[in-house]
Amino acid sequence: MKKFAIYAFALFASATTLTSCGDDDETTPKVATNLYTAKIVGAQTATAGSFLSTSKGEVYLTSDSANFTANKVDVSFAQIGGDFTPTFISLDSRAGKGLTKVVTNTATTYFRESTLTKAQFDTAAAYIKGITSSASKTQSVAQGKVYEVVSSVGGTTTKALLYVSNLTTTSSNTTGSVTVDVKTVK
């Protein structure tokens, strides 16, 4: 019986040294992000630029197109079709959509509407790293929605989320604009 008691005590003592008392310093590494807020991107005839660099959070005009590759411009905005649907468009797909402001660029961009909410967008750093490319180079846009973006510009791949905070368009012309928050991983 004495041997059993010693064995049980030794077993109990070794088991307690392997458990956590809750004060261990267990931290999850944070994923650093870039957040660019309230970027206004205009449709074809709007005064705001129609081109966005998700990695830099900058909006550009067509007249800046000579520097699009260097500035990693990867998203354009336009109102297309007979009903002037507000749409994000990959730069290499603009000509196929009948847009007159066609630019020569090495950007290929894919879009997908995300299932994330605005609250999830705000805390989605780790989510961005897991975004995969879709097959769509165009994406119709709606206010309050989050969109996933995967682009390749000049050999650099960028993954981003776009949250559409405001959409101002009409169904009769191309003067609309979209206001987006852009989140990328650093």
Foldseek 3Di string as FASTA:
>chain_A
DVVVVVVVVVVVVVVVVPDDPPPDPDDDDDFAKDKAFFQKAFADPAPWAFWAALVVGDGDHLVCLVCCLVSNTFWGWHQADLQRFIKIAGLVCCVVRVDPSRGDFPKQKAKDWDPDFPVCLVRVRVVQVVDDGDPHRMDGDDARTKMWMWMAGPRDIWTKIWHFNDWDDGRPDRHIITTIMIMTGD
